[in-house]
Amino acid sequence: MQQELFTINNLWMMVATILVFIMHLGFAALEAGLTRSKNTINILFKNTIIPGLGILTYGLIGFNLMYPGEIFQGAFIGLSGFGINLPANWDNAGYNEGYTFYTDFVFQAMFAATAATIVSGAVAERIKLSSFMFFSLMYVGICYPIVGMWKWGGGFLDTLETPFYDFAGSTIVHSVGGWGALVGAILLGPRIGKYTPHGIRPIPGHNIPMAVIGVFLLWFGWFGFNGGSVLSANPGEVSKVFVTTAMAGAAGSIGALSAAYSFTRTFDITMVLNGILAGLVGITAGADVMGPLDAVIIGSIAGALAVGGVIFFDRLKIDDPVGAISVHLICGIWGTLAVGIFGSLAGWPQIVSQLTGIVVTGLFCSVFSFILFFGMKKARGIRVLAREEIEGLDVNEHSMQAYPDFASKE
């Protein structure tokens, strides 16, 4: 029976890994759909190469930084070696009572690349591909795993008197990506023509059906993202996480619909799409400790926050083509803070710990991102030429078009 349970747990973890991997297709479809046709190849290329770069980089160094101890482990940083190596005196199946060493690695690797994917949306349509690829390598290989180690690898956030809590990564995954997205968008500046002397000029995406498909793929994959983070196939815990995840995403759509309609008096599908993602991001920190009603409240507020965030950043002239900063940073912060307000961990000590995690993560990721982006900006530039941006990144960065048989009106 023990071997059968181990097999079932490990199998669920591998299924969850597949679901999280599918989310990268969702990100690709969403980002491509919400941007212009002349940049489609560039968007798809970034979202294709990120998992490749991410998995390899995370395998070489990131996993060893995130779960350290073989060489050294401190409160803020540690290291267990280089490459995908079993810990000393362990075999693959004896690594953990619920899953193998290799299952643990590949599940965590799917999460790692997500941080860079979030940045991709906020810097879309004007960043140099080479600069983005270098940023992704460093962010996935160093920044993300160091922050992850602070909680999931036994670092200082996990050893607070009231431990910081982030079940599946509202802060450790989504806010980490969100901080990088915010810094990148600020240093790049807005797309040409976005902000004019006469006000904000909307730049609509070219393929809303593709964006809708992307969001449903992400929602589908999120059941693995959160459900796999139970780290077992425990039926009570996994089913509860499925319910809170579904409820929060659904509530996010209604929260965004209500907020967007109150501002614009129209039914904006793009806001509803981001509202779904906002609800999912919001519940990710506490999906296992919330009840269904808690999930509805958290998701509804997250959906409204995503709409407010898009409007707020536009007024600051911070151009985010897909709303990634609002969804992943703002709602990641909200979801992390919500752990101290709702659910079984609610209380003032937990709120203090959640705020501590939010602040230190924000400071570290902002400084790390600024050093990378500003250093590249001074050394070789991070933005394409104005002519290249106007013509489109597809023909200038990739020498091809996504829709060669159709004339562009842009």
Protein backbone atom coordinates (compact mmCIF):
# COMPACT_ATOMS: atom_id res chain seq x y z
CA MET A 1 0.00 0.00 0.00
CA GLN A 2 2.83 2.39 0.79
CA GLN A 3 4.40 1.82 -2.64
CA GLU A 4 1.02 2.30 -4.34
CA LEU A 5 0.48 5.60 -2.51
CA PHE A 6 3.97 6.76 -3.49
CA THR A 7 3.23 5.92 -7.12
CA ILE A 8 -0.10 7.76 -7.06
CA ASN A 9 1.43 10.86 -5.43
CA ASN A 10 4.32 10.91 -7.87
CA LEU A 11 2.01 10.39 -10.86
CA TRP A 12 -0.18 13.34 -9.81
CA MET A 13 2.91 15.52 -9.48
CA MET A 14 3.94 14.61 -13.04
CA VAL A 15 0.42 15.32 -14.34
CA ALA A 16 0.50 18.69 -12.56
CA THR A 17 3.87 19.36 -14.20
CA ILE A 18 2.29 18.81 -17.61
CA LEU A 19 -0.53 21.22 -16.74
CA VAL A 20 1.92 23.93 -15.66
CA PHE A 21 3.94 23.39 -18.84
CA ILE A 22 0.79 23.97 -20.93
CA MET A 23 0.50 27.39 -19.27
CA HIS A 24 3.43 28.58 -21.39
CA LEU A 25 1.27 28.05 -24.48
CA GLY A 26 -1.41 30.07 -22.72
CA PHE A 27 0.99 32.94 -22.06
CA ALA A 28 2.13 32.86 -25.69
CA ALA A 29 -1.42 32.98 -27.06
CA LEU A 30 -2.55 35.68 -24.63
CA GLU A 31 0.41 37.98 -25.25
CA ALA A 32 0.32 37.52 -29.02
CA GLY A 33 -3.42 38.15 -29.13
CA LEU A 34 -3.22 41.36 -27.11
CA THR A 35 -0.42 42.88 -29.22
CA ARG A 36 -0.19 43.94 -32.86
CA SER A 37 0.12 41.52 -35.77
CA LYS A 38 3.46 42.97 -36.86
CA ASN A 39 5.03 41.69 -33.63
CA THR A 40 3.45 38.23 -33.47
CA ILE A 41 6.54 36.23 -34.43
CA ASN A 42 8.57 38.15 -31.85
CA ILE A 43 6.02 37.43 -29.10
CA LEU A 44 5.80 33.76 -29.99
CA PHE A 45 9.57 33.48 -30.21
CA LYS A 46 10.06 34.91 -26.73
CA ASN A 47 7.44 32.61 -25.23
CA THR A 48 8.96 29.64 -27.02
CA ILE A 49 12.56 30.29 -26.04
CA ILE A 50 11.78 31.17 -22.40
CA PRO A 51 10.94 27.57 -21.38
CA GLY A 52 14.06 26.40 -23.21
CA LEU A 53 16.32 28.91 -21.51
CA GLY A 54 14.48 28.58 -18.22
CA ILE A 55 14.60 24.80 -17.88
CA LEU A 56 18.29 24.62 -18.79
CA THR A 57 19.30 27.54 -16.57
CA TYR A 58 17.21 26.28 -13.67
CA GLY A 59 18.78 22.86 -14.12
CA LEU A 60 22.33 24.23 -14.14
CA ILE A 61 22.13 26.59 -11.18
CA GLY A 62 18.61 27.73 -10.21
CA PHE A 63 17.39 24.51 -8.58
CA ASN A 64 20.60 24.33 -6.56
CA LEU A 65 20.16 27.90 -5.34
CA MET A 66 16.51 27.40 -4.49
CA TYR A 67 16.95 24.17 -2.52
CA PRO A 68 20.47 24.45 -1.15
CA GLY A 69 22.42 22.71 1.60
CA GLU A 70 24.95 20.33 0.09
CA ILE A 71 27.65 23.01 -0.12
CA PHE A 72 26.25 25.67 2.21
CA GLN A 73 22.96 27.18 3.32
CA GLY A 74 22.46 30.55 4.92
CA ALA A 75 19.39 32.57 5.75
CA PHE A 76 19.52 34.53 2.49
CA ILE A 77 21.46 32.37 0.03
CA GLY A 78 22.81 28.86 -0.29
CA LEU A 79 24.08 26.36 -2.85
CA SER A 80 23.84 22.62 -3.32
CA GLY A 81 26.07 22.31 -6.39
CA PHE A 82 25.72 22.60 -10.14
CA GLY A 83 23.57 20.58 -12.48
CA ILE A 84 20.80 18.12 -11.67
CA ASN A 85 22.50 15.93 -9.09
CA LEU A 86 20.88 13.73 -6.49
CA PRO A 87 21.70 14.74 -2.91
CA ALA A 88 24.41 12.62 -1.30
CA ASN A 89 23.26 9.31 0.18
CA TRP A 90 19.86 9.48 -1.56
CA ASP A 91 18.45 7.53 -4.46
CA ASN A 92 15.85 8.92 -6.85
CA ALA A 93 12.86 7.19 -5.26
CA GLY A 94 14.10 7.72 -1.70
CA TYR A 95 14.41 11.49 -2.06
CA ASN A 96 10.96 12.22 -0.60
CA GLU A 97 8.06 10.23 0.76
CA GLY A 98 5.73 11.64 -1.89
CA TYR A 99 7.73 11.98 -5.11
CA THR A 100 11.12 11.38 -6.68
CA PHE A 101 14.01 13.81 -6.98
CA TYR A 102 13.53 14.16 -10.72
CA THR A 103 9.81 14.80 -10.36
CA ASP A 104 10.58 17.56 -7.87
CA PHE A 105 13.05 19.18 -10.26
CA VAL A 106 10.85 19.13 -13.36
CA PHE A 107 7.80 20.42 -11.44
CA GLN A 108 9.79 23.32 -10.00
CA ALA A 109 11.42 24.03 -13.38
CA MET A 110 8.00 24.65 -14.94
CA PHE A 111 7.38 27.37 -12.35
CA ALA A 112 10.76 29.03 -12.82
CA ALA A 113 10.32 30.05 -16.44
CA THR A 114 6.97 31.70 -15.60
CA ALA A 115 8.72 34.63 -13.92
CA ALA A 116 10.40 35.66 -17.17
CA THR A 117 7.21 35.09 -19.17
CA ILE A 118 5.43 37.66 -17.01
CA VAL A 119 8.11 40.23 -17.85
CA SER A 120 7.73 39.47 -21.55
CA GLY A 121 4.21 40.86 -21.72
CA ALA A 122 5.04 44.19 -20.08
CA VAL A 123 8.02 44.92 -22.35
CA ALA A 124 6.39 43.66 -25.54
CA GLU A 125 6.66 45.39 -28.92
CA ARG A 126 9.79 47.46 -28.23
CA ILE A 127 12.52 45.49 -26.42
CA LYS A 128 15.55 44.05 -28.18
CA LEU A 129 15.28 40.29 -28.32
CA SER A 130 18.90 39.75 -27.27
CA SER A 131 18.46 41.99 -24.23
CA PHE A 132 15.30 40.18 -23.19
CA MET A 133 16.94 36.77 -23.54
CA PHE A 134 19.89 37.82 -21.37
CA PHE A 135 17.55 39.25 -18.75
CA SER A 136 15.55 36.01 -18.74
CA LEU A 137 18.68 33.92 -18.21
CA MET A 138 19.74 35.95 -15.20
CA TYR A 139 16.27 36.34 -13.73
CA VAL A 140 15.36 32.66 -13.91
CA GLY A 141 18.84 31.44 -13.02
CA ILE A 142 19.57 33.73 -10.08
CA CYS A 143 16.84 36.15 -8.94
CA TYR A 144 13.84 33.83 -8.86
CA PRO A 145 15.56 30.91 -7.08
CA ILE A 146 17.12 33.15 -4.44
CA VAL A 147 13.71 34.58 -3.54
CA GLY A 148 12.20 31.10 -3.68
CA MET A 149 14.84 29.81 -1.28
CA TRP A 150 13.85 32.42 1.32
CA LYS A 151 10.57 30.52 1.81
CA TRP A 152 10.50 27.19 -0.01
CA GLY A 153 14.18 26.38 0.55
CA GLY A 154 14.20 27.00 4.30
CA GLY A 155 15.46 30.58 4.23
CA PHE A 156 14.76 33.46 6.57
CA LEU A 157 11.12 34.02 5.58
CA ASP A 158 10.36 30.45 6.58
CA THR A 159 12.03 30.84 9.97
CA LEU A 160 10.21 33.99 11.12
CA GLU A 161 8.36 33.63 14.42
CA THR A 162 5.20 33.52 12.32
CA PRO A 163 6.47 32.08 9.03
CA PHE A 164 5.72 33.91 5.81
CA TYR A 165 3.21 31.87 3.82
CA ASP A 166 3.00 31.54 0.05
CA PHE A 167 1.44 28.25 -0.94
CA ALA A 168 2.06 28.28 -4.70
CA GLY A 169 3.66 31.63 -5.46
CA SER A 170 1.55 34.80 -5.44
CA THR A 171 4.74 36.54 -4.36
CA ILE A 172 7.51 34.04 -5.10
CA VAL A 173 6.42 33.50 -8.72
CA HIS A 174 3.98 36.22 -9.76
CA SER A 175 5.24 39.25 -7.86
CA VAL A 176 8.83 38.31 -8.69
CA GLY A 177 7.86 38.48 -12.35
CA GLY A 178 5.75 41.57 -11.75
CA TRP A 179 8.59 43.58 -10.20
CA GLY A 180 10.83 42.76 -13.16
CA ALA A 181 8.02 43.74 -15.51
CA LEU A 182 7.52 47.10 -13.78
CA VAL A 183 11.20 48.03 -13.86
CA GLY A 184 11.56 46.91 -17.47
CA ALA A 185 8.50 48.88 -18.63
CA ILE A 186 9.71 52.04 -16.88
CA LEU A 187 13.26 51.90 -18.27
CA LEU A 188 12.08 51.03 -21.79
CA GLY A 189 9.48 53.77 -21.94
CA PRO A 190 6.12 53.56 -23.71
CA ARG A 191 5.49 52.39 -27.25
CA ILE A 192 5.55 55.07 -29.91
CA GLY A 193 2.18 56.77 -30.14
CA LYS A 194 0.75 55.35 -26.93
CA TYR A 195 0.69 58.61 -24.98
CA THR A 196 0.00 61.77 -26.98
CA PRO A 197 -0.56 65.44 -26.11
CA HIS A 198 -4.25 64.72 -26.61
CA GLY A 199 -4.35 61.82 -24.18
CA ILE A 200 -3.92 58.06 -24.14
CA ARG A 201 -4.19 56.36 -27.53
CA PRO A 202 -5.43 52.77 -27.22
CA ILE A 203 -3.33 50.23 -29.15
CA PRO A 204 -5.67 47.25 -29.50
CA GLY A 205 -4.51 43.68 -29.84
CA HIS A 206 -4.88 42.03 -33.21
CA ASN A 207 -6.43 38.69 -32.24
CA ILE A 208 -8.87 38.58 -29.33
CA PRO A 209 -9.90 34.95 -30.03
CA MET A 210 -6.26 33.95 -29.54
CA ALA A 211 -6.15 35.87 -26.26
CA VAL A 212 -9.31 34.10 -25.04
CA ILE A 213 -7.80 30.72 -25.87
CA GLY A 214 -4.67 31.76 -23.99
CA VAL A 215 -6.59 32.64 -20.83
CA PHE A 216 -8.52 29.38 -20.82
CA LEU A 217 -5.28 27.46 -21.27
CA LEU A 218 -3.85 29.35 -18.31
CA TRP A 219 -6.92 28.68 -16.17
CA PHE A 220 -6.72 25.00 -17.14
CA GLY A 221 -3.03 24.87 -16.26
CA TRP A 222 -3.59 26.68 -12.97
CA PHE A 223 -5.24 23.55 -11.55
CA GLY A 224 -1.82 21.94 -11.86
CA PHE A 225 -0.04 25.07 -10.68
CA ASN A 226 -2.00 25.16 -7.42
CA GLY A 227 -3.14 21.56 -7.20
CA GLY A 228 0.37 20.24 -7.74
CA SER A 229 1.66 22.48 -4.97
CA VAL A 230 -0.11 20.23 -2.46
CA LEU A 231 2.90 17.97 -3.27
CA SER A 232 0.76 14.86 -2.98
CA ALA A 233 -2.43 13.37 -4.37
CA ASN A 234 -4.23 13.74 -1.04
CA PRO A 235 -7.85 13.79 -2.26
CA GLY A 236 -9.17 16.15 0.42
CA GLU A 237 -6.44 18.76 -0.02
CA VAL A 238 -6.22 18.62 -3.81
CA SER A 239 -9.98 18.84 -4.28
CA LYS A 240 -10.17 21.82 -1.91
CA VAL A 241 -7.44 23.62 -3.83
CA PHE A 242 -9.26 22.91 -7.10
CA VAL A 243 -12.42 24.50 -5.69
CA THR A 244 -10.73 27.63 -4.33
CA THR A 245 -8.78 28.03 -7.59
CA ALA A 246 -11.92 27.70 -9.72
CA MET A 247 -13.96 30.03 -7.50
CA ALA A 248 -11.31 32.74 -7.38
CA GLY A 249 -10.83 32.74 -11.15
CA ALA A 250 -14.58 32.91 -11.69
CA ALA A 251 -14.98 35.71 -9.14
CA GLY A 252 -12.10 37.58 -10.75
CA SER A 253 -14.02 37.73 -14.02
CA ILE A 254 -17.05 39.25 -12.28
CA GLY A 255 -14.94 41.69 -10.24
CA ALA A 256 -13.20 42.90 -13.39
CA LEU A 257 -16.46 43.09 -15.34
CA SER A 258 -18.07 45.24 -12.66
CA ALA A 259 -15.06 47.52 -12.26
CA ALA A 260 -14.49 47.96 -15.99
CA TYR A 261 -18.16 48.69 -16.68
CA SER A 262 -18.25 51.30 -13.92
CA PHE A 263 -15.34 53.10 -15.60
CA THR A 264 -16.13 52.66 -19.29
CA ARG A 265 -19.83 51.74 -19.49
CA THR A 266 -18.93 48.96 -21.87
CA PHE A 267 -18.32 45.21 -21.62
CA ASP A 268 -14.56 44.92 -22.16
CA ILE A 269 -13.50 41.34 -22.89
CA THR A 270 -9.81 42.12 -22.33
CA MET A 271 -10.52 43.35 -18.81
CA VAL A 272 -12.54 40.22 -18.05
CA LEU A 273 -9.69 38.04 -19.33
CA ASN A 274 -7.24 39.82 -17.07
CA GLY A 275 -9.78 39.62 -14.24
CA ILE A 276 -9.78 35.82 -14.47
CA LEU A 277 -5.99 35.76 -14.26
CA ALA A 278 -6.06 38.30 -11.43
CA GLY A 279 -8.35 36.08 -9.39
CA LEU A 280 -6.08 33.10 -10.01
CA VAL A 281 -2.98 35.05 -9.01
CA GLY A 282 -4.77 36.32 -5.91
CA ILE A 283 -5.72 32.87 -4.60
CA THR A 284 -2.35 31.26 -5.33
CA ALA A 285 -0.74 32.28 -2.02
CA GLY A 286 -3.46 30.74 0.12
CA ALA A 287 -5.40 28.28 -2.03
CA ASP A 288 -5.01 25.52 0.58
CA VAL A 289 -6.01 27.58 3.63
CA MET A 290 -9.05 29.40 2.22
CA GLY A 291 -12.69 28.38 2.08
CA PRO A 292 -14.84 28.83 -1.04
CA LEU A 293 -16.31 32.13 0.21
CA ASP A 294 -12.83 33.44 1.03
CA ALA A 295 -11.78 32.56 -2.52
CA VAL A 296 -14.73 34.44 -3.99
CA ILE A 297 -13.93 37.58 -1.99
CA ILE A 298 -10.22 37.42 -2.80
CA GLY A 299 -10.88 36.79 -6.49
CA SER A 300 -13.48 39.56 -6.79
CA ILE A 301 -11.17 42.13 -5.23
CA ALA A 302 -8.28 40.94 -7.40
CA GLY A 303 -10.36 41.36 -10.56
CA ALA A 304 -11.25 44.92 -9.60
CA LEU A 305 -7.64 45.66 -8.68
CA ALA A 306 -6.46 44.47 -12.08
CA VAL A 307 -8.77 46.96 -13.81
CA GLY A 308 -7.74 49.75 -11.47
CA GLY A 309 -4.09 48.86 -11.98
CA VAL A 310 -4.33 49.12 -15.76
CA ILE A 311 -5.92 52.58 -15.47
CA PHE A 312 -3.42 53.67 -12.79
CA PHE A 313 -0.31 52.67 -14.76
CA ASP A 314 -1.68 54.27 -17.92
CA ARG A 315 -2.09 57.54 -16.05
CA LEU A 316 1.53 57.26 -14.95
CA LYS A 317 2.44 56.63 -18.62
CA ILE A 318 3.88 53.21 -17.80
CA ASP A 319 3.02 51.23 -20.92
CA ASP A 320 2.10 47.59 -20.28
CA PRO A 321 0.58 46.12 -23.47
CA VAL A 322 -1.05 43.11 -21.77
CA GLY A 323 -1.66 44.34 -18.21
CA ALA A 324 0.95 41.99 -16.75
CA ILE A 325 2.03 44.38 -14.00
CA SER A 326 -1.53 44.87 -12.78
CA VAL A 327 -2.36 41.17 -12.85
CA HIS A 328 0.84 39.65 -11.50
CA LEU A 329 2.35 42.35 -9.29
CA ILE A 330 -0.67 44.17 -7.86
CA CYS A 331 -2.76 41.02 -7.46
CA GLY A 332 0.24 39.00 -6.31
CA ILE A 333 0.71 41.49 -3.48
CA TRP A 334 -3.01 41.40 -2.71
CA GLY A 335 -3.14 37.60 -2.67
CA THR A 336 -0.13 37.38 -0.38
CA LEU A 337 -1.58 39.92 2.04
CA ALA A 338 -4.96 38.15 1.93
CA VAL A 339 -3.42 35.12 3.68
CA GLY A 340 -3.26 37.24 6.83
CA ILE A 341 -6.82 38.54 6.42
CA PHE A 342 -8.82 35.46 5.37
CA GLY A 343 -8.66 31.74 5.97
CA SER A 344 -7.19 29.59 8.71
CA LEU A 345 -3.96 31.61 9.11
CA ALA A 346 -5.64 35.01 9.47
CA GLY A 347 -4.33 37.29 12.19
CA TRP A 348 -2.12 40.30 12.82
CA PRO A 349 1.14 38.30 13.25
CA GLN A 350 0.53 36.67 9.86
CA ILE A 351 -0.20 40.05 8.25
CA VAL A 352 3.16 41.36 9.53
CA SER A 353 4.97 38.33 8.13
CA GLN A 354 3.19 38.65 4.79
CA LEU A 355 4.11 42.33 4.58
CA THR A 356 7.72 41.45 5.39
CA GLY A 357 7.84 38.99 2.51
CA ILE A 358 6.21 41.43 0.12
CA VAL A 359 8.62 44.25 0.96
CA VAL A 360 11.89 42.29 0.90
CA THR A 361 10.89 40.56 -2.33
CA GLY A 362 9.99 43.88 -3.92
CA LEU A 363 13.25 45.52 -2.89
CA PHE A 364 15.45 42.63 -4.03
CA CYS A 365 13.70 42.05 -7.36
CA SER A 366 13.50 45.77 -8.19
CA VAL A 367 17.19 46.31 -7.52
CA PHE A 368 18.17 43.12 -9.38
CA SER A 369 16.01 44.07 -12.38
CA PHE A 370 17.23 47.66 -12.38
CA ILE A 371 20.87 46.60 -12.39
CA LEU A 372 20.26 44.24 -15.31
CA PHE A 373 18.09 46.54 -17.44
CA PHE A 374 19.98 49.75 -16.69
CA GLY A 375 23.35 48.05 -17.24
CA MET A 376 22.23 46.75 -20.64
CA LYS A 377 20.68 50.10 -21.49
CA LYS A 378 23.97 51.89 -20.92
CA ALA A 379 26.13 49.19 -22.49
CA ARG A 380 24.26 48.39 -25.70
CA GLY A 381 20.69 49.61 -25.42
CA ILE A 382 17.57 47.64 -24.64
CA ARG A 383 15.10 49.22 -27.07
CA VAL A 384 14.86 48.70 -30.80
CA LEU A 385 15.20 51.66 -33.17
CA ALA A 386 12.12 53.79 -33.78
CA ARG A 387 12.04 52.67 -37.42
CA GLU A 388 12.13 49.01 -36.36
CA GLU A 389 9.35 49.52 -33.85
CA ILE A 390 7.14 51.23 -36.41
CA GLU A 391 7.79 48.59 -39.08
CA GLY A 392 7.39 45.77 -36.57
CA LEU A 393 9.78 43.46 -34.77
CA ASP A 394 8.87 40.46 -36.92
CA VAL A 395 10.56 41.72 -40.07
CA ASN A 396 13.43 43.43 -38.25
CA GLU A 397 14.31 40.86 -35.57
CA HIS A 398 13.20 37.67 -37.35
CA SER A 399 13.03 38.47 -41.09
CA MET A 400 9.57 36.91 -41.38
CA GLN A 401 5.92 37.68 -40.83
CA ALA A 402 3.23 35.77 -38.95
CA TYR A 403 0.63 36.59 -41.62
CA PRO A 404 2.55 37.05 -44.88
CA ASP A 405 -0.52 36.71 -47.09
CA PHE A 406 -2.41 39.56 -45.43
CA ALA A 407 -1.76 43.28 -45.82
CA SER A 408 -1.31 45.23 -42.59
CA LYS A 409 -3.22 48.43 -41.86
CA GLU A 410 -0.80 49.45 -39.09
